[in-house]
Amino acid sequence: MDIEAIAVSILEADADTVVLYLLAEEETFAGEVAALNSTLNGLVQDLIDGEDFSGKAEQIAVVYPRGAI
């Protein structure tokens, strides 16, 4: 497996997997996370609103974009 860090917009990345981090204290999204949430029709916000993911240490959520990006 090859892992490569690149400096490009999440929405422009040609990758099989995108990793982003969210902090439990963050109440609003900005920048790349806001753009990703918008492109995924609010999926990131829905994940948090559903209380299945809170952003606490070592918590992981897998999201399938279903062709949106």
N, C-alpha and C. Protein backbone atom coordinates (compact mmCIF):
# COMPACT_ATOMS: atom_id res chain seq x y z
N MET A 1 0.85 -1.16 0.00
CA MET A 1 0.00 0.00 0.00
C MET A 1 0.90 1.23 0.00
N ASP A 2 0.57 2.17 -0.88
CA ASP A 2 1.29 3.43 -0.95
C ASP A 2 0.44 4.52 -0.33
N ILE A 3 1.02 5.31 0.56
CA ILE A 3 0.34 6.45 1.17
C ILE A 3 1.08 7.70 0.75
N GLU A 4 0.34 8.67 0.25
CA GLU A 4 0.95 9.90 -0.23
C GLU A 4 0.13 11.08 0.28
N ALA A 5 0.81 12.04 0.88
CA ALA A 5 0.14 13.27 1.31
C ALA A 5 0.30 14.30 0.20
N ILE A 6 -0.82 14.91 -0.20
CA ILE A 6 -0.76 15.91 -1.26
C ILE A 6 -1.48 17.18 -0.80
N ALA A 7 -1.03 18.30 -1.31
CA ALA A 7 -1.64 19.59 -0.97
C ALA A 7 -2.56 19.99 -2.11
N VAL A 8 -3.80 19.50 -2.05
CA VAL A 8 -4.79 19.81 -3.07
C VAL A 8 -6.16 19.79 -2.40
N SER A 9 -7.09 20.48 -2.98
CA SER A 9 -8.45 20.50 -2.44
C SER A 9 -9.00 19.08 -2.36
N ILE A 10 -9.73 18.79 -1.30
CA ILE A 10 -10.37 17.47 -1.15
C ILE A 10 -11.21 17.15 -2.37
N LEU A 11 -11.89 18.16 -2.88
CA LEU A 11 -12.80 17.94 -4.00
C LEU A 11 -12.08 17.71 -5.33
N GLU A 12 -10.78 18.06 -5.38
CA GLU A 12 -10.01 17.88 -6.60
C GLU A 12 -9.05 16.70 -6.52
N ALA A 13 -8.96 16.06 -5.36
CA ALA A 13 -8.00 14.98 -5.16
C ALA A 13 -8.40 13.75 -5.97
N ASP A 14 -7.42 13.16 -6.63
CA ASP A 14 -7.62 11.90 -7.33
C ASP A 14 -7.12 10.80 -6.40
N ALA A 15 -8.01 10.32 -5.53
CA ALA A 15 -7.59 9.37 -4.50
C ALA A 15 -8.70 8.36 -4.23
N ASP A 16 -8.31 7.21 -3.75
CA ASP A 16 -9.28 6.19 -3.35
C ASP A 16 -9.87 6.49 -1.98
N THR A 17 -9.09 7.17 -1.14
CA THR A 17 -9.51 7.47 0.23
C THR A 17 -9.08 8.88 0.59
N VAL A 18 -9.95 9.58 1.30
CA VAL A 18 -9.64 10.90 1.82
C VAL A 18 -9.83 10.85 3.33
N VAL A 19 -8.85 11.35 4.05
CA VAL A 19 -8.92 11.37 5.51
C VAL A 19 -9.02 12.83 5.94
N LEU A 20 -10.01 13.10 6.78
CA LEU A 20 -10.10 14.44 7.36
C LEU A 20 -10.40 14.30 8.83
N TYR A 21 -10.09 15.33 9.56
CA TYR A 21 -10.34 15.25 10.99
C TYR A 21 -11.31 16.33 11.42
N LEU A 22 -12.12 16.00 12.40
CA LEU A 22 -13.06 16.93 13.00
C LEU A 22 -12.86 16.88 14.50
N LEU A 23 -12.91 18.02 15.13
CA LEU A 23 -12.75 18.08 16.58
C LEU A 23 -14.11 18.15 17.25
N ALA A 24 -14.23 17.53 18.39
CA ALA A 24 -15.51 17.49 19.11
C ALA A 24 -16.02 18.90 19.43
N GLU A 25 -15.11 19.85 19.63
CA GLU A 25 -15.50 21.20 20.00
C GLU A 25 -16.02 22.04 18.84
N GLU A 26 -15.76 21.61 17.61
CA GLU A 26 -16.16 22.40 16.45
C GLU A 26 -17.67 22.31 16.25
N GLU A 27 -18.31 23.48 16.19
CA GLU A 27 -19.76 23.51 15.99
C GLU A 27 -20.14 23.83 14.55
N THR A 28 -19.22 24.43 13.80
CA THR A 28 -19.47 24.74 12.40
C THR A 28 -18.27 24.29 11.57
N PHE A 29 -18.52 24.05 10.32
CA PHE A 29 -17.44 23.66 9.41
C PHE A 29 -16.95 24.88 8.66
N ALA A 30 -15.68 24.85 8.30
CA ALA A 30 -15.09 25.92 7.49
C ALA A 30 -14.21 25.29 6.43
N GLY A 31 -13.90 26.05 5.42
CA GLY A 31 -12.95 25.64 4.40
C GLY A 31 -13.29 24.35 3.70
N GLU A 32 -12.31 23.45 3.67
CA GLU A 32 -12.45 22.19 2.94
C GLU A 32 -13.58 21.31 3.48
N VAL A 33 -13.73 21.27 4.79
CA VAL A 33 -14.78 20.42 5.37
C VAL A 33 -16.16 20.96 4.99
N ALA A 34 -16.32 22.28 5.01
CA ALA A 34 -17.60 22.89 4.60
C ALA A 34 -17.89 22.59 3.13
N ALA A 35 -16.87 22.69 2.29
CA ALA A 35 -17.04 22.40 0.86
C ALA A 35 -17.40 20.93 0.65
N LEU A 36 -16.74 20.04 1.37
CA LEU A 36 -17.03 18.61 1.25
C LEU A 36 -18.45 18.32 1.73
N ASN A 37 -18.84 18.89 2.85
CA ASN A 37 -20.19 18.70 3.38
C ASN A 37 -21.23 19.17 2.37
N SER A 38 -20.99 20.30 1.74
CA SER A 38 -21.91 20.83 0.74
C SER A 38 -22.01 19.90 -0.46
N THR A 39 -20.87 19.45 -0.95
CA THR A 39 -20.84 18.56 -2.11
C THR A 39 -21.54 17.24 -1.82
N LEU A 40 -21.44 16.79 -0.59
CA LEU A 40 -22.08 15.53 -0.19
C LEU A 40 -23.50 15.76 0.34
N ASN A 41 -24.06 16.90 0.00
CA ASN A 41 -25.44 17.22 0.38
C ASN A 41 -25.70 17.10 1.88
N GLY A 42 -24.75 17.59 2.68
CA GLY A 42 -24.92 17.62 4.13
C GLY A 42 -24.62 16.32 4.85
N LEU A 43 -23.99 15.38 4.17
CA LEU A 43 -23.74 14.07 4.76
C LEU A 43 -22.85 14.13 6.00
N VAL A 44 -21.85 15.00 6.00
CA VAL A 44 -20.96 15.12 7.16
C VAL A 44 -21.76 15.66 8.35
N GLN A 45 -22.57 16.68 8.12
CA GLN A 45 -23.39 17.23 9.20
C GLN A 45 -24.41 16.21 9.68
N ASP A 46 -25.00 15.45 8.78
CA ASP A 46 -25.95 14.41 9.17
C ASP A 46 -25.29 13.36 10.06
N LEU A 47 -24.04 13.04 9.77
CA LEU A 47 -23.30 12.06 10.58
C LEU A 47 -23.18 12.56 12.02
N ILE A 48 -22.88 13.83 12.18
CA ILE A 48 -22.74 14.40 13.52
C ILE A 48 -24.10 14.58 14.18
N ASP A 49 -25.08 15.06 13.44
CA ASP A 49 -26.42 15.25 14.00
C ASP A 49 -27.03 13.94 14.47
N GLY A 50 -26.69 12.85 13.82
CA GLY A 50 -27.22 11.54 14.19
C GLY A 50 -26.59 10.97 15.44
N GLU A 51 -25.61 11.65 15.97
CA GLU A 51 -24.91 11.30 17.21
C GLU A 51 -24.15 9.98 17.14
N ASP A 52 -23.96 9.45 15.94
CA ASP A 52 -23.13 8.25 15.80
C ASP A 52 -21.65 8.62 15.81
N PHE A 53 -21.36 9.88 15.51
CA PHE A 53 -19.99 10.36 15.46
C PHE A 53 -19.94 11.70 16.17
N SER A 54 -19.03 11.83 17.12
CA SER A 54 -18.94 13.08 17.88
C SER A 54 -17.60 13.78 17.73
N GLY A 55 -16.60 13.13 17.13
CA GLY A 55 -15.30 13.74 16.96
C GLY A 55 -14.37 13.53 18.14
N LYS A 56 -14.69 12.61 19.01
CA LYS A 56 -13.83 12.33 20.16
C LYS A 56 -12.60 11.54 19.71
N ALA A 57 -11.58 11.55 20.55
CA ALA A 57 -10.31 10.90 20.25
C ALA A 57 -10.51 9.46 19.81
N GLU A 58 -9.78 9.10 18.76
CA GLU A 58 -9.74 7.75 18.20
C GLU A 58 -11.07 7.26 17.61
N GLN A 59 -12.01 8.17 17.41
CA GLN A 59 -13.28 7.79 16.81
C GLN A 59 -13.16 7.85 15.29
N ILE A 60 -13.71 6.87 14.61
CA ILE A 60 -13.60 6.78 13.16
C ILE A 60 -14.98 6.57 12.56
N ALA A 61 -15.22 7.23 11.44
CA ALA A 61 -16.46 7.00 10.69
C ALA A 61 -16.08 6.81 9.23
N VAL A 62 -16.67 5.84 8.60
CA VAL A 62 -16.46 5.59 7.18
C VAL A 62 -17.71 6.08 6.44
N VAL A 63 -17.49 6.91 5.44
CA VAL A 63 -18.59 7.50 4.67
C VAL A 63 -18.38 7.17 3.21
N TYR A 64 -19.39 6.69 2.56
CA TYR A 64 -19.32 6.38 1.13
C TYR A 64 -20.03 7.51 0.38
N PRO A 65 -19.31 8.21 -0.50
CA PRO A 65 -19.88 9.37 -1.18
C PRO A 65 -20.86 9.05 -2.30
N ARG A 66 -20.98 7.80 -2.68
CA ARG A 66 -21.92 7.37 -3.71
C ARG A 66 -21.83 8.19 -4.99
N GLY A 67 -20.58 8.40 -5.42
CA GLY A 67 -20.33 9.09 -6.67
C GLY A 67 -20.42 10.61 -6.63
N ALA A 68 -20.64 11.21 -5.46
CA ALA A 68 -20.77 12.67 -5.38
C ALA A 68 -19.44 13.38 -5.60
N ILE A 69 -18.34 12.70 -5.30
CA ILE A 69 -17.03 13.30 -5.55
C ILE A 69 -16.16 12.29 -6.26
